[in-house]
Amino acid sequence: MKSKMRLECVNKKKNVSKFWEYKILGSMVNVKYGRIGTFGNGLLIPLYQLNSNLKEKARKGYKEVKQKN
């Protein structure tokens, strides 16, 4: 599992343009989400919930985006 990742879901027909990203901080995960182009919202979730969140995002059509360093 990567220590950080950004996922995006874009569907121009449905006017959907969202992101969901995470960064692992020990036993917690800092999650940031919102519309692409905005700062978004943030929350902390326990590390054990990360896999289920990633599966849910994949099911909803989110794709991994390579981040610039």
Protein backbone atom coordinates (compact mmCIF):
# COMPACT_ATOMS: atom_id res chain seq x y z
CA MET A 1 0.00 0.00 0.00
CA LYS A 2 1.34 3.41 -0.94
CA SER A 3 1.96 5.99 1.79
CA LYS A 4 0.01 8.57 -0.22
CA MET A 5 -2.20 8.56 -3.30
CA ARG A 6 -4.58 10.81 -5.23
CA LEU A 7 -7.67 9.50 -7.00
CA GLU A 8 -9.90 11.48 -9.35
CA CYS A 9 -13.35 10.89 -10.82
CA VAL A 10 -14.21 12.94 -13.92
CA ASN A 11 -17.41 12.57 -15.95
CA LYS A 12 -18.15 15.56 -18.18
CA LYS A 13 -21.62 14.30 -19.13
CA LYS A 14 -22.68 14.24 -15.47
CA ASN A 15 -20.65 17.36 -14.56
CA VAL A 16 -18.60 15.34 -12.06
CA SER A 17 -15.07 16.43 -11.23
CA LYS A 18 -13.97 15.12 -7.81
CA PHE A 19 -10.78 14.09 -6.04
CA TRP A 20 -9.97 11.92 -3.03
CA GLU A 21 -6.45 11.68 -1.66
CA TYR A 22 -4.81 10.23 1.40
CA LYS A 23 -1.56 10.26 3.33
CA ILE A 24 -0.76 7.64 5.97
CA LEU A 25 0.30 9.07 9.34
CA GLY A 26 1.19 6.10 11.53
CA SER A 27 -2.04 4.35 12.54
CA MET A 28 -4.22 7.16 11.10
CA VAL A 29 -4.88 8.35 7.56
CA ASN A 30 -5.29 12.00 6.60
CA VAL A 31 -7.96 12.13 3.87
CA LYS A 32 -8.70 15.14 1.68
CA TYR A 33 -11.61 15.22 -0.79
CA GLY A 34 -13.71 17.61 -2.85
CA ARG A 35 -14.19 19.12 -6.31
CA ILE A 36 -11.10 19.36 -8.47
CA GLY A 37 -9.80 22.93 -8.38
CA THR A 38 -10.81 23.54 -4.77
CA PHE A 39 -8.88 23.06 -1.53
CA GLY A 40 -11.40 20.41 -0.45
CA ASN A 41 -12.30 19.08 2.97
CA GLY A 42 -10.23 16.93 5.29
CA LEU A 43 -10.68 14.26 7.92
CA LEU A 44 -8.76 11.59 9.80
CA ILE A 45 -9.73 7.92 9.57
CA PRO A 46 -8.18 4.83 11.17
CA LEU A 47 -5.69 2.97 8.96
CA TYR A 48 -7.81 -0.21 9.01
CA GLN A 49 -10.59 1.60 7.08
CA LEU A 50 -8.34 2.61 4.17
CA ASN A 51 -8.76 -0.59 2.12
CA SER A 52 -12.55 -0.45 2.22
CA ASN A 53 -12.47 3.25 1.23
CA LEU A 54 -10.16 2.50 -1.71
CA LYS A 55 -12.45 -0.33 -2.91
CA GLU A 56 -15.48 1.98 -2.68
CA LYS A 57 -13.72 4.70 -4.70
CA ALA A 58 -12.69 2.19 -7.39
CA ARG A 59 -16.29 0.97 -7.60
CA LYS A 60 -17.45 4.57 -8.07
CA GLY A 61 -15.02 5.15 -10.95
CA TYR A 62 -12.12 6.95 -9.28
CA LYS A 63 -8.73 6.45 -10.97
CA GLU A 64 -5.25 6.97 -9.56
CA VAL A 65 -3.48 10.14 -10.70
CA LYS A 66 0.30 10.40 -10.74
CA GLN A 67 1.35 13.22 -8.41
CA LYS A 68 4.07 15.72 -9.32
CA ASN A 69 6.94 15.93 -6.85
